Amino acid sequence: MREEYDFSKGERGKFFNPNAKKNIPIYLEAEVLDYFAAKAKTKGVELNTMVNDLLKKDIALIEGVK
């Protein structure tokens, strides 16, 4: 590393995007992950697709009860 860096021509906030969406990690317990990974493999779909579909169905059930 250098002793000093010249930021005199830098632009503050050049890459800031207030509307950027962030994907947060979701951590599943090992047994839950193993179960759904096996089911996704059996059905020939991606794990994230299967989990998202299941969560959407749960949301629909929850909203239907309101």
PDB file of N, CA and C in Angstrom:
ATOM      1  N   MET A   1       0.831  -1.184   0.000  1.00  0.00           N
ATOM      2  CA  MET A   1       0.000   0.000   0.000  1.00  0.00           C
ATOM      3  C   MET A   1       0.873   1.244   0.000  1.00  0.00           C
ATOM      4  N   ARG A   2       0.327   2.278  -0.554  1.00  0.00           N
ATOM      5  CA  ARG A   2       1.044   3.549  -0.557  1.00  0.00           C
ATOM      6  C   ARG A   2       0.939   4.210   0.808  1.00  0.00           C
ATOM      7  N   GLU A   3       1.849   5.111   1.051  1.00  0.00           N
ATOM      8  CA  GLU A   3       1.802   5.907   2.283  1.00  0.00           C
ATOM      9  C   GLU A   3       0.605   6.851   2.254  1.00  0.00           C
ATOM     10  N   GLU A   4       0.324   7.431   1.080  1.00  0.00           N
ATOM     11  CA  GLU A   4      -0.757   8.406   0.924  1.00  0.00           C
ATOM     12  C   GLU A   4      -1.482   8.176  -0.393  1.00  0.00           C
ATOM     13  N   TYR A   5      -2.756   8.512  -0.415  1.00  0.00           N
ATOM     14  CA  TYR A   5      -3.549   8.437  -1.634  1.00  0.00           C
ATOM     15  C   TYR A   5      -4.136   9.815  -1.902  1.00  0.00           C
ATOM     16  N   ASP A   6      -4.249  10.156  -3.190  1.00  0.00           N
ATOM     17  CA  ASP A   6      -4.771  11.465  -3.578  1.00  0.00           C
ATOM     18  C   ASP A   6      -6.237  11.326  -3.974  1.00  0.00           C
ATOM     19  N   PHE A   7      -7.121  11.841  -3.134  1.00  0.00           N
ATOM     20  CA  PHE A   7      -8.548  11.802  -3.414  1.00  0.00           C
ATOM     21  C   PHE A   7      -9.079  13.168  -3.835  1.00  0.00           C
ATOM     22  N   SER A   8      -8.200  14.052  -4.247  1.00  0.00           N
ATOM     23  CA  SER A   8      -8.615  15.419  -4.574  1.00  0.00           C
ATOM     24  C   SER A   8      -9.563  15.463  -5.783  1.00  0.00           C
ATOM     25  N   LYS A   9      -9.509  14.479  -6.662  1.00  0.00           N
ATOM     26  CA  LYS A   9     -10.385  14.459  -7.836  1.00  0.00           C
ATOM     27  C   LYS A   9     -11.510  13.426  -7.689  1.00  0.00           C
ATOM     28  N   GLY A  10     -11.685  12.917  -6.491  1.00  0.00           N
ATOM     29  CA  GLY A  10     -12.733  11.928  -6.239  1.00  0.00           C
ATOM     30  C   GLY A  10     -14.101  12.587  -6.165  1.00  0.00           C
ATOM     31  N   GLU A  11     -15.145  11.801  -6.469  1.00  0.00           N
ATOM     32  CA  GLU A  11     -16.529  12.281  -6.399  1.00  0.00           C
ATOM     33  C   GLU A  11     -17.252  11.549  -5.275  1.00  0.00           C
ATOM     34  N   ARG A  12     -17.783  12.312  -4.333  1.00  0.00           N
ATOM     35  CA  ARG A  12     -18.531  11.716  -3.236  1.00  0.00           C
ATOM     36  C   ARG A  12     -19.870  11.175  -3.763  1.00  0.00           C
ATOM     37  N   GLY A  13     -20.180   9.936  -3.412  1.00  0.00           N
ATOM     38  CA  GLY A  13     -21.454   9.336  -3.781  1.00  0.00           C
ATOM     39  C   GLY A  13     -21.574   8.914  -5.233  1.00  0.00           C
ATOM     40  N   LYS A  14     -20.470   8.797  -5.932  1.00  0.00           N
ATOM     41  CA  LYS A  14     -20.503   8.472  -7.363  1.00  0.00           C
ATOM     42  C   LYS A  14     -21.255   7.160  -7.639  1.00  0.00           C
ATOM     43  N   PHE A  15     -21.102   6.185  -6.782  1.00  0.00           N
ATOM     44  CA  PHE A  15     -21.715   4.875  -7.010  1.00  0.00           C
ATOM     45  C   PHE A  15     -22.908   4.620  -6.094  1.00  0.00           C
ATOM     46  N   PHE A  16     -23.352   5.620  -5.349  1.00  0.00           N
ATOM     47  CA  PHE A  16     -24.485   5.463  -4.440  1.00  0.00           C
ATOM     48  C   PHE A  16     -25.777   5.390  -5.229  1.00  0.00           C
ATOM     49  N   ASN A  17     -26.588   4.394  -4.916  1.00  0.00           N
ATOM     50  CA  ASN A  17     -27.890   4.239  -5.555  1.00  0.00           C
ATOM     51  C   ASN A  17     -28.917   4.000  -4.449  1.00  0.00           C
ATOM     52  N   PRO A  18     -29.733   5.003  -4.127  1.00  0.00           N
ATOM     53  CA  PRO A  18     -30.679   4.837  -3.024  1.00  0.00           C
ATOM     54  C   PRO A  18     -31.765   3.803  -3.310  1.00  0.00           C
ATOM     55  N   ASN A  19     -31.979   3.456  -4.560  1.00  0.00           N
ATOM     56  CA  ASN A  19     -33.013   2.483  -4.921  1.00  0.00           C
ATOM     57  C   ASN A  19     -32.462   1.076  -5.135  1.00  0.00           C
ATOM     58  N   ALA A  20     -31.203   0.882  -4.797  1.00  0.00           N
ATOM     59  CA  ALA A  20     -30.591  -0.435  -4.998  1.00  0.00           C
ATOM     60  C   ALA A  20     -31.260  -1.460  -4.088  1.00  0.00           C
ATOM     61  N   LYS A  21     -31.518  -2.630  -4.629  1.00  0.00           N
ATOM     62  CA  LYS A  21     -32.104  -3.710  -3.838  1.00  0.00           C
ATOM     63  C   LYS A  21     -30.975  -4.584  -3.327  1.00  0.00           C
ATOM     64  N   LYS A  22     -31.123  -4.998  -2.093  1.00  0.00           N
ATOM     65  CA  LYS A  22     -30.093  -5.838  -1.481  1.00  0.00           C
ATOM     66  C   LYS A  22     -30.657  -7.224  -1.241  1.00  0.00           C
ATOM     67  N   ASN A  23     -29.889  -8.228  -1.601  1.00  0.00           N
ATOM     68  CA  ASN A  23     -30.265  -9.608  -1.314  1.00  0.00           C
ATOM     69  C   ASN A  23     -29.587 -10.016  -0.020  1.00  0.00           C
ATOM     70  N   ILE A  24     -30.392 -10.233   0.999  1.00  0.00           N
ATOM     71  CA  ILE A  24     -29.826 -10.639   2.278  1.00  0.00           C
ATOM     72  C   ILE A  24     -29.733 -12.150   2.330  1.00  0.00           C
ATOM     73  N   PRO A  25     -28.711 -12.671   2.961  1.00  0.00           N
ATOM     74  CA  PRO A  25     -28.608 -14.124   3.057  1.00  0.00           C
ATOM     75  C   PRO A  25     -29.619 -14.670   4.064  1.00  0.00           C
ATOM     76  N   ILE A  26     -30.168 -15.799   3.747  1.00  0.00           N
ATOM     77  CA  ILE A  26     -31.073 -16.504   4.646  1.00  0.00           C
ATOM     78  C   ILE A  26     -30.382 -17.809   5.028  1.00  0.00           C
ATOM     79  N   TYR A  27     -30.257 -18.041   6.313  1.00  0.00           N
ATOM     80  CA  TYR A  27     -29.559 -19.229   6.784  1.00  0.00           C
ATOM     81  C   TYR A  27     -30.564 -20.264   7.279  1.00  0.00           C
ATOM     82  N   LEU A  28     -30.542 -21.427   6.665  1.00  0.00           N
ATOM     83  CA  LEU A  28     -31.418 -22.520   7.046  1.00  0.00           C
ATOM     84  C   LEU A  28     -30.643 -23.499   7.917  1.00  0.00           C
ATOM     85  N   GLU A  29     -31.368 -24.146   8.818  1.00  0.00           N
ATOM     86  CA  GLU A  29     -30.737 -25.196   9.606  1.00  0.00           C
ATOM     87  C   GLU A  29     -30.345 -26.330   8.663  1.00  0.00           C
ATOM     88  N   ALA A  30     -29.316 -27.057   9.029  1.00  0.00           N
ATOM     89  CA  ALA A  30     -28.753 -28.094   8.156  1.00  0.00           C
ATOM     90  C   ALA A  30     -29.803 -29.120   7.734  1.00  0.00           C
ATOM     91  N   GLU A  31     -30.628 -29.568   8.677  1.00  0.00           N
ATOM     92  CA  GLU A  31     -31.623 -30.595   8.333  1.00  0.00           C
ATOM     93  C   GLU A  31     -32.690 -30.049   7.388  1.00  0.00           C
ATOM     94  N   VAL A  32     -33.054 -28.790   7.536  1.00  0.00           N
ATOM     95  CA  VAL A  32     -34.036 -28.163   6.650  1.00  0.00           C
ATOM     96  C   VAL A  32     -33.438 -28.008   5.258  1.00  0.00           C
ATOM     97  N   LEU A  33     -32.213 -27.525   5.191  1.00  0.00           N
ATOM     98  CA  LEU A  33     -31.524 -27.360   3.912  1.00  0.00           C
ATOM     99  C   LEU A  33     -31.382 -28.693   3.196  1.00  0.00           C
ATOM    100  N   ASP A  34     -30.966 -29.719   3.925  1.00  0.00           N
ATOM    101  CA  ASP A  34     -30.792 -31.041   3.315  1.00  0.00           C
ATOM    102  C   ASP A  34     -32.111 -31.575   2.762  1.00  0.00           C
ATOM    103  N   TYR A  35     -33.182 -31.401   3.524  1.00  0.00           N
ATOM    104  CA  TYR A  35     -34.496 -31.880   3.095  1.00  0.00           C
ATOM    105  C   TYR A  35     -34.918 -31.205   1.795  1.00  0.00           C
ATOM    106  N   PHE A  36     -34.882 -29.871   1.785  1.00  0.00           N
ATOM    107  CA  PHE A  36     -35.337 -29.150   0.600  1.00  0.00           C
ATOM    108  C   PHE A  36     -34.392 -29.316  -0.582  1.00  0.00           C
ATOM    109  N   ALA A  37     -33.105 -29.449  -0.333  1.00  0.00           N
ATOM    110  CA  ALA A  37     -32.155 -29.687  -1.423  1.00  0.00           C
ATOM    111  C   ALA A  37     -32.452 -31.023  -2.100  1.00  0.00           C
ATOM    112  N   ALA A  38     -32.767 -32.031  -1.297  1.00  0.00           N
ATOM    113  CA  ALA A  38     -33.098 -33.349  -1.858  1.00  0.00           C
ATOM    114  C   ALA A  38     -34.395 -33.283  -2.656  1.00  0.00           C
ATOM    115  N   LYS A  39     -35.412 -32.602  -2.117  1.00  0.00           N
ATOM    116  CA  LYS A  39     -36.692 -32.477  -2.820  1.00  0.00           C
ATOM    117  C   LYS A  39     -36.523 -31.702  -4.131  1.00  0.00           C
ATOM    118  N   ALA A  40     -35.732 -30.631  -4.098  1.00  0.00           N
ATOM    119  CA  ALA A  40     -35.506 -29.836  -5.311  1.00  0.00           C
ATOM    120  C   ALA A  40     -34.792 -30.671  -6.368  1.00  0.00           C
ATOM    121  N   LYS A  41     -33.821 -31.450  -5.933  1.00  0.00           N
ATOM    122  CA  LYS A  41     -33.082 -32.297  -6.876  1.00  0.00           C
ATOM    123  C   LYS A  41     -34.006 -33.336  -7.504  1.00  0.00           C
ATOM    124  N   THR A  42     -34.875 -33.933  -6.688  1.00  0.00           N
ATOM    125  CA  THR A  42     -35.830 -34.927  -7.182  1.00  0.00           C
ATOM    126  C   THR A  42     -36.765 -34.329  -8.225  1.00  0.00           C
ATOM    127  N   LYS A  43     -37.196 -33.088  -7.980  1.00  0.00           N
ATOM    128  CA  LYS A  43     -38.123 -32.425  -8.907  1.00  0.00           C
ATOM    129  C   LYS A  43     -37.403 -31.774 -10.085  1.00  0.00           C
ATOM    130  N   GLY A  44     -36.082 -31.682  -9.998  1.00  0.00           N
ATOM    131  CA  GLY A  44     -35.310 -31.091 -11.090  1.00  0.00           C
ATOM    132  C   GLY A  44     -35.417 -29.570 -11.158  1.00  0.00           C
ATOM    133  N   VAL A  45     -35.566 -28.937 -10.000  1.00  0.00           N
ATOM    134  CA  VAL A  45     -35.630 -27.473  -9.950  1.00  0.00           C
ATOM    135  C   VAL A  45     -34.523 -26.955  -9.045  1.00  0.00           C
ATOM    136  N   GLU A  46     -34.246 -25.667  -9.191  1.00  0.00           N
ATOM    137  CA  GLU A  46     -33.251 -25.037  -8.329  1.00  0.00           C
ATOM    138  C   GLU A  46     -33.805 -24.914  -6.913  1.00  0.00           C
ATOM    139  N   LEU A  47     -32.931 -25.030  -5.942  1.00  0.00           N
ATOM    140  CA  LEU A  47     -33.338 -24.933  -4.542  1.00  0.00           C
ATOM    141  C   LEU A  47     -33.992 -23.589  -4.242  1.00  0.00           C
ATOM    142  N   ASN A  48     -33.390 -22.495  -4.711  1.00  0.00           N
ATOM    143  CA  ASN A  48     -33.955 -21.173  -4.424  1.00  0.00           C
ATOM    144  C   ASN A  48     -35.333 -21.000  -5.060  1.00  0.00           C
ATOM    145  N   THR A  49     -35.554 -21.581  -6.237  1.00  0.00           N
ATOM    146  CA  THR A  49     -36.861 -21.512  -6.881  1.00  0.00           C
ATOM    147  C   THR A  49     -37.901 -22.251  -6.053  1.00  0.00           C
ATOM    148  N   MET A  50     -37.545 -23.421  -5.580  1.00  0.00           N
ATOM    149  CA  MET A  50     -38.478 -24.208  -4.787  1.00  0.00           C
ATOM    150  C   MET A  50     -38.826 -23.507  -3.476  1.00  0.00           C
ATOM    151  N   VAL A  51     -37.839 -23.001  -2.784  1.00  0.00           N
ATOM    152  CA  VAL A  51     -38.080 -22.323  -1.508  1.00  0.00           C
ATOM    153  C   VAL A  51     -38.911 -21.062  -1.728  1.00  0.00           C
ATOM    154  N   ASN A  52     -38.618 -20.305  -2.762  1.00  0.00           N
ATOM    155  CA  ASN A  52     -39.408 -19.100  -3.054  1.00  0.00           C
ATOM    156  C   ASN A  52     -40.858 -19.454  -3.358  1.00  0.00           C
ATOM    157  N   ASP A  53     -41.082 -20.508  -4.126  1.00  0.00           N
ATOM    158  CA  ASP A  53     -42.449 -20.940  -4.432  1.00  0.00           C
ATOM    159  C   ASP A  53     -43.199 -21.344  -3.166  1.00  0.00           C
ATOM    160  N   LEU A  54     -42.533 -22.083  -2.285  1.00  0.00           N
ATOM    161  CA  LEU A  54     -43.168 -22.491  -1.028  1.00  0.00           C
ATOM    162  C   LEU A  54     -43.504 -21.274  -0.160  1.00  0.00           C
ATOM    163  N   LEU A  55     -42.599 -20.318  -0.102  1.00  0.00           N
ATOM    164  CA  LEU A  55     -42.850 -19.114   0.693  1.00  0.00           C
ATOM    165  C   LEU A  55     -43.993 -18.288   0.100  1.00  0.00           C
ATOM    166  N   LYS A  56     -44.079 -18.219  -1.217  1.00  0.00           N
ATOM    167  CA  LYS A  56     -45.186 -17.490  -1.856  1.00  0.00           C
ATOM    168  C   LYS A  56     -46.521 -18.147  -1.532  1.00  0.00           C
ATOM    169  N   LYS A  57     -46.545 -19.487  -1.501  1.00  0.00           N
ATOM    170  CA  LYS A  57     -47.769 -20.199  -1.135  1.00  0.00           C
ATOM    171  C   LYS A  57     -48.139 -19.914   0.319  1.00  0.00           C
ATOM    172  N   ASP A  58     -47.146 -19.867   1.193  1.00  0.00           N
ATOM    173  CA  ASP A  58     -47.403 -19.538   2.594  1.00  0.00           C
ATOM    174  C   ASP A  58     -47.948 -18.121   2.728  1.00  0.00           C
ATOM    175  N   ILE A  59     -47.399 -17.197   1.974  1.00  0.00           N
ATOM    176  CA  ILE A  59     -47.886 -15.813   2.004  1.00  0.00           C
ATOM    177  C   ILE A  59     -49.346 -15.770   1.564  1.00  0.00           C
ATOM    178  N   ALA A  60     -49.684 -16.495   0.498  1.00  0.00           N
ATOM    179  CA  ALA A  60     -51.066 -16.526   0.009  1.00  0.00           C
ATOM    180  C   ALA A  60     -51.996 -17.100   1.073  1.00  0.00           C
ATOM    181  N   LEU A  61     -51.556 -18.142   1.781  1.00  0.00           N
ATOM    182  CA  LEU A  61     -52.371 -18.712   2.860  1.00  0.00           C
ATOM    183  C   LEU A  61     -52.584 -17.709   3.986  1.00  0.00           C
ATOM    184  N   ILE A  62     -51.508 -17.048   4.378  1.00  0.00           N
ATOM    185  CA  ILE A  62     -51.589 -16.047   5.453  1.00  0.00           C
ATOM    186  C   ILE A  62     -52.523 -14.909   5.072  1.00  0.00           C
ATOM    187  N   GLU A  63     -52.379 -14.433   3.850  1.00  0.00           N
ATOM    188  CA  GLU A  63     -53.213 -13.312   3.389  1.00  0.00           C
ATOM    189  C   GLU A  63     -54.669 -13.737   3.230  1.00  0.00           C
ATOM    190  N   GLY A  64     -54.908 -15.005   2.903  1.00  0.00           N
ATOM    191  CA  GLY A  64     -56.260 -15.502   2.747  1.00  0.00           C
ATOM    192  C   GLY A  64     -57.016 -15.602   4.068  1.00  0.00           C
ATOM    193  N   VAL A  65     -56.274 -15.749   5.157  1.00  0.00           N
ATOM    194  CA  VAL A  65     -56.869 -15.876   6.485  1.00  0.00           C
ATOM    195  C   VAL A  65     -57.260 -14.528   7.051  1.00  0.00           C
ATOM    196  N   LYS A  66     -56.609 -13.470   6.629  1.00  0.00           N
ATOM    197  CA  LYS A  66     -56.870 -12.123   7.177  1.00  0.00           C
ATOM    198  C   LYS A  66     -58.290 -11.679   7.005  1.00  0.00           C
TER     199      LYS A  66
END
